[in-house]
C-alpha atoms as a PDB file:
ATOM      1  CA  UNK A   1      89.507  52.127 -19.748  1.00  0.00           C
ATOM      2  CA  UNK A   2      88.342  48.740 -20.836  1.00  0.00           C
ATOM      3  CA  UNK A   3      88.309  47.926 -24.479  1.00  0.00           C
ATOM      4  CA  UNK A   4      85.151  46.713 -26.119  1.00  0.00           C
ATOM      5  CA  UNK A   5      84.715  44.144 -28.881  1.00  0.00           C
ATOM      6  CA  UNK A   6      83.693  46.902 -31.234  1.00  0.00           C
ATOM      7  CA  UNK A   7      87.215  48.364 -31.109  1.00  0.00           C
ATOM      8  CA  UNK A   8      88.837  45.228 -32.264  1.00  0.00           C
ATOM      9  CA  UNK A   9      86.326  43.378 -34.415  1.00  0.00           C
ATOM     10  CA  UNK A  10      86.538  42.972 -38.235  1.00  0.00           C
ATOM     11  CA  UNK A  11      83.594  42.778 -40.488  1.00  0.00           C
ATOM     12  CA  UNK A  12      85.572  40.404 -42.712  1.00  0.00           C
ATOM     13  CA  UNK A  13      84.098  36.930 -42.016  1.00  0.00           C
ATOM     14  CA  UNK A  14      82.437  33.889 -43.672  1.00  0.00           C
ATOM     15  CA  UNK A  15      78.720  33.247 -43.373  1.00  0.00           C
ATOM     16  CA  UNK A  16      77.045  30.051 -44.533  1.00  0.00           C
ATOM     17  CA  UNK A  17      73.404  28.979 -44.536  1.00  0.00           C
ATOM     18  CA  UNK A  18      72.470  25.794 -42.657  1.00  0.00           C
ATOM     19  CA  UNK A  19      71.480  24.082 -45.782  1.00  0.00           C
ATOM     20  CA  UNK A  20      74.632  24.844 -47.767  1.00  0.00           C
ATOM     21  CA  UNK A  21      76.656  21.859 -48.773  1.00  0.00           C
ATOM     22  CA  UNK A  22      79.815  21.322 -46.811  1.00  0.00           C
ATOM     23  CA  UNK A  23      82.180  21.151 -49.819  1.00  0.00           C
ATOM     24  CA  UNK A  24      80.890  24.501 -50.983  1.00  0.00           C
ATOM     25  CA  UNK A  25      81.740  26.157 -47.634  1.00  0.00           C
ATOM     26  CA  UNK A  26      85.105  24.406 -47.412  1.00  0.00           C
ATOM     27  CA  UNK A  27      85.877  25.658 -50.815  1.00  0.00           C
ATOM     28  CA  UNK A  28      85.105  29.214 -49.889  1.00  0.00           C
ATOM     29  CA  UNK A  29      87.163  29.027 -46.686  1.00  0.00           C
ATOM     30  CA  UNK A  30      90.112  27.603 -48.680  1.00  0.00           C
ATOM     31  CA  UNK A  31      89.698  30.386 -51.393  1.00  0.00           C
ATOM     32  CA  UNK A  32      89.200  33.425 -49.091  1.00  0.00           C
ATOM     33  CA  UNK A  33      91.842  32.452 -46.476  1.00  0.00           C
ATOM     34  CA  UNK A  34      90.882  35.368 -44.238  1.00  0.00           C
ATOM     35  CA  UNK A  35      88.848  33.602 -41.660  1.00  0.00           C
ATOM     36  CA  UNK A  36      88.986  30.101 -39.962  1.00  0.00           C
ATOM     37  CA  UNK A  37      85.514  30.170 -38.478  1.00  0.00           C
ATOM     38  CA  UNK A  38      82.269  29.965 -40.401  1.00  0.00           C
ATOM     39  CA  UNK A  39      79.220  31.534 -38.876  1.00  0.00           C
ATOM     40  CA  UNK A  40      76.147  29.453 -39.704  1.00  0.00           C
ATOM     41  CA  UNK A  41      72.882  31.259 -40.060  1.00  0.00           C
ATOM     42  CA  UNK A  42      69.213  30.359 -40.490  1.00  0.00           C
ATOM     43  CA  UNK A  43      66.805  31.654 -43.132  1.00  0.00           C
ATOM     44  CA  UNK A  44      66.252  34.802 -40.966  1.00  0.00           C
ATOM     45  CA  UNK A  45      69.966  35.487 -40.836  1.00  0.00           C
ATOM     46  CA  UNK A  46      70.355  34.597 -37.094  1.00  0.00           C
ATOM     47  CA  UNK A  47      73.433  32.717 -35.951  1.00  0.00           C
ATOM     48  CA  UNK A  48      72.632  29.050 -35.205  1.00  0.00           C
ATOM     49  CA  UNK A  49      76.029  27.517 -35.099  1.00  0.00           C
ATOM     50  CA  UNK A  50      79.745  27.721 -36.066  1.00  0.00           C
ATOM     51  CA  UNK A  51      81.941  25.507 -38.105  1.00  0.00           C
ATOM     52  CA  UNK A  52      85.448  25.485 -36.726  1.00  0.00           C
ATOM     53  CA  UNK A  53      88.722  24.547 -38.336  1.00  0.00           C
ATOM     54  CA  UNK A  54      88.650  21.246 -36.403  1.00  0.00           C
ATOM     55  CA  UNK A  55      85.263  20.331 -37.919  1.00  0.00           C
ATOM     56  CA  UNK A  56      86.363  21.239 -41.360  1.00  0.00           C
ATOM     57  CA  UNK A  57      89.580  19.318 -41.034  1.00  0.00           C
ATOM     58  CA  UNK A  58      87.759  16.222 -39.886  1.00  0.00           C
ATOM     59  CA  UNK A  59      85.473  16.341 -42.861  1.00  0.00           C
ATOM     60  CA  UNK A  60      88.403  16.952 -45.206  1.00  0.00           C
ATOM     61  CA  UNK A  61      90.439  14.193 -43.683  1.00  0.00           C
ATOM     62  CA  UNK A  62      87.638  11.594 -43.908  1.00  0.00           C
ATOM     63  CA  UNK A  63      85.972  12.654 -47.132  1.00  0.00           C
ATOM     64  CA  UNK A  64      88.845  14.383 -49.077  1.00  0.00           C
ATOM     65  CA  UNK A  65      91.798  12.140 -48.117  1.00  0.00           C
ATOM     66  CA  UNK A  66      89.882   8.947 -47.042  1.00  0.00           C
ATOM     67  CA  UNK A  67      91.874   8.915 -43.821  1.00  0.00           C
ATOM     68  CA  UNK A  68      90.805   8.069 -40.361  1.00  0.00           C
ATOM     69  CA  UNK A  69      92.911   8.701 -37.261  1.00  0.00           C
ATOM     70  CA  UNK A  70      91.996   6.342 -34.614  1.00  0.00           C
ATOM     71  CA  UNK A  71      91.525   6.802 -31.715  1.00  0.00           C
ATOM     72  CA  UNK A  72      90.693  10.435 -32.510  1.00  0.00           C
ATOM     73  CA  UNK A  73      87.468   9.342 -34.316  1.00  0.00           C
ATOM     74  CA  UNK A  74      85.035   6.908 -33.073  1.00  0.00           C
ATOM     75  CA  UNK A  75      83.326   4.682 -35.585  1.00  0.00           C
ATOM     76  CA  UNK A  76      80.096   6.589 -34.940  1.00  0.00           C
ATOM     77  CA  UNK A  77      81.761   9.902 -35.668  1.00  0.00           C
ATOM     78  CA  UNK A  78      83.263   8.622 -38.910  1.00  0.00           C
ATOM     79  CA  UNK A  79      79.848   7.315 -40.002  1.00  0.00           C
ATOM     80  CA  UNK A  80      78.310  10.673 -39.133  1.00  0.00           C
ATOM     81  CA  UNK A  81      80.932  12.772 -41.075  1.00  0.00           C
ATOM     82  CA  UNK A  82      80.761  10.431 -44.047  1.00  0.00           C
ATOM     83  CA  UNK A  83      77.045  10.700 -44.316  1.00  0.00           C
ATOM     84  CA  UNK A  84      76.965  14.501 -43.571  1.00  0.00           C
ATOM     85  CA  UNK A  85      76.117  16.811 -46.599  1.00  0.00           C
ATOM     86  CA  UNK A  86      75.158  20.029 -45.096  1.00  0.00           C
ATOM     87  CA  UNK A  87      76.749  22.552 -42.798  1.00  0.00           C
ATOM     88  CA  UNK A  88      74.108  22.113 -40.186  1.00  0.00           C
ATOM     89  CA  UNK A  89      75.215  18.429 -39.874  1.00  0.00           C
ATOM     90  CA  UNK A  90      78.810  19.292 -38.753  1.00  0.00           C
ATOM     91  CA  UNK A  91      78.184  22.697 -36.986  1.00  0.00           C
ATOM     92  CA  UNK A  92      78.572  23.202 -33.275  1.00  0.00           C
ATOM     93  CA  UNK A  93      76.737  25.395 -30.805  1.00  0.00           C
ATOM     94  CA  UNK A  94      77.538  29.031 -31.366  1.00  0.00           C
ATOM     95  CA  UNK A  95      79.393  31.140 -28.828  1.00  0.00           C
ATOM     96  CA  UNK A  96      79.317  34.822 -29.582  1.00  0.00           C
ATOM     97  CA  UNK A  97      79.755  38.338 -28.202  1.00  0.00           C
ATOM     98  CA  UNK A  98      78.104  41.635 -29.003  1.00  0.00           C
ATOM     99  CA  UNK A  99      80.010  44.714 -30.212  1.00  0.00           C
ATOM    100  CA  UNK A 100      79.490  46.488 -26.734  1.00  0.00           C
ATOM    101  CA  UNK A 101      80.872  43.606 -24.772  1.00  0.00           C
ATOM    102  CA  UNK A 102      84.162  43.764 -23.023  1.00  0.00           C
ATOM    103  CA  UNK A 103      87.013  42.186 -24.872  1.00  0.00           C
ATOM    104  CA  UNK A 104      87.567  39.909 -21.844  1.00  0.00           C
ATOM    105  CA  UNK A 105      84.365  38.059 -22.689  1.00  0.00           C
ATOM    106  CA  UNK A 106      85.791  37.166 -26.203  1.00  0.00           C
ATOM    107  CA  UNK A 107      89.134  35.996 -24.585  1.00  0.00           C
ATOM    108  CA  UNK A 108      87.105  33.712 -22.172  1.00  0.00           C
ATOM    109  CA  UNK A 109      85.296  32.149 -25.099  1.00  0.00           C
ATOM    110  CA  UNK A 110      88.693  31.822 -27.033  1.00  0.00           C
ATOM    111  CA  UNK A 111      90.291  30.071 -24.051  1.00  0.00           C
ATOM    112  CA  UNK A 112      87.215  27.841 -23.027  1.00  0.00           C
ATOM    113  CA  UNK A 113      86.333  26.735 -26.513  1.00  0.00           C
ATOM    114  CA  UNK A 114      89.827  26.814 -27.984  1.00  0.00           C
ATOM    115  CA  UNK A 115      88.675  29.189 -30.702  1.00  0.00           C
ATOM    116  CA  UNK A 116      90.956  31.750 -32.384  1.00  0.00           C
ATOM    117  CA  UNK A 117      87.914  33.783 -33.545  1.00  0.00           C
ATOM    118  CA  UNK A 118      84.583  34.588 -31.973  1.00  0.00           C
ATOM    119  CA  UNK A 119      81.539  35.836 -33.881  1.00  0.00           C
ATOM    120  CA  UNK A 120      80.210  39.200 -33.134  1.00  0.00           C
ATOM    121  CA  UNK A 121      76.363  39.531 -33.460  1.00  0.00           C
ATOM    122  CA  UNK A 122      73.964  42.431 -33.284  1.00  0.00           C
ATOM    123  CA  UNK A 123      70.913  42.610 -31.003  1.00  0.00           C
ATOM    124  CA  UNK A 124      68.906  40.418 -33.378  1.00  0.00           C
ATOM    125  CA  UNK A 125      71.688  37.717 -33.195  1.00  0.00           C
ATOM    126  CA  UNK A 126      72.780  38.310 -36.725  1.00  0.00           C
ATOM    127  CA  UNK A 127      76.526  38.063 -37.307  1.00  0.00           C
ATOM    128  CA  UNK A 128      78.108  41.408 -38.069  1.00  0.00           C
ATOM    129  CA  UNK A 129      81.836  40.360 -37.765  1.00  0.00           C
ATOM    130  CA  UNK A 130      84.509  38.502 -35.795  1.00  0.00           C
ATOM    131  CA  UNK A 131      86.974  39.361 -33.061  1.00  0.00           C
ATOM    132  CA  UNK A 132      90.105  37.308 -33.490  1.00  0.00           C
ATOM    133  CA  UNK A 133      93.212  36.261 -31.613  1.00  0.00           C
ATOM    134  CA  UNK A 134      95.458  38.577 -33.556  1.00  0.00           C
ATOM    135  CA  UNK A 135      93.401  41.655 -32.815  1.00  0.00           C
ATOM    136  CA  UNK A 136      93.369  40.802 -29.074  1.00  0.00           C
ATOM    137  CA  UNK A 137      97.145  40.239 -28.752  1.00  0.00           C
ATOM    138  CA  UNK A 138      98.122  43.103 -30.961  1.00  0.00           C
ATOM    139  CA  UNK A 139      95.957  45.516 -28.894  1.00  0.00           C
ATOM    140  CA  UNK A 140      96.926  44.235 -25.382  1.00  0.00           C
ATOM    141  CA  UNK A 141      98.553  46.404 -22.796  1.00  0.00           C
ATOM    142  CA  UNK A 142     101.797  44.669 -22.142  1.00  0.00           C
ATOM    143  CA  UNK A 143     102.751  46.943 -19.198  1.00  0.00           C
ATOM    144  CA  UNK A 144     102.005  44.415 -16.526  1.00  0.00           C
ATOM    145  CA  UNK A 145     104.872  43.807 -14.125  1.00  0.00           C
ATOM    146  CA  UNK A 146     105.719  40.985 -11.901  1.00  0.00           C
ATOM    147  CA  UNK A 147     103.851  41.021  -8.628  1.00  0.00           C
ATOM    148  CA  UNK A 148     100.899  43.066  -9.922  1.00  0.00           C
END
């Protein structure tokens, strides 16, 4: 029997509005320490993007530590981050699953996007939780044998 996202998801996640200031969201992530991925929502509560640990670290490195790792950052990227104030300025396109989806869909997103967490949304595209790497690996069926 295939496992669905609903069986492995957690409702413990961080949500931020598009117009929230970056430093406020970074402060929440640092304080909560339960989730790495931020689900960004519009005024209606629908998911419009995600802020990944990579995006947060870029902002922290450039703005908080005044460092720039070349060639990892182009001059254009540095200028963009330094002038960004709101979450919508640094968010990336959302990838998500629904609670009834097969866990394999979440795994595919994790591998393809290099995410450790994937947002779970309801039918109205409002975030209701996350499925994470730890839930996937701790619930895996490890009975596969060589040659199968």
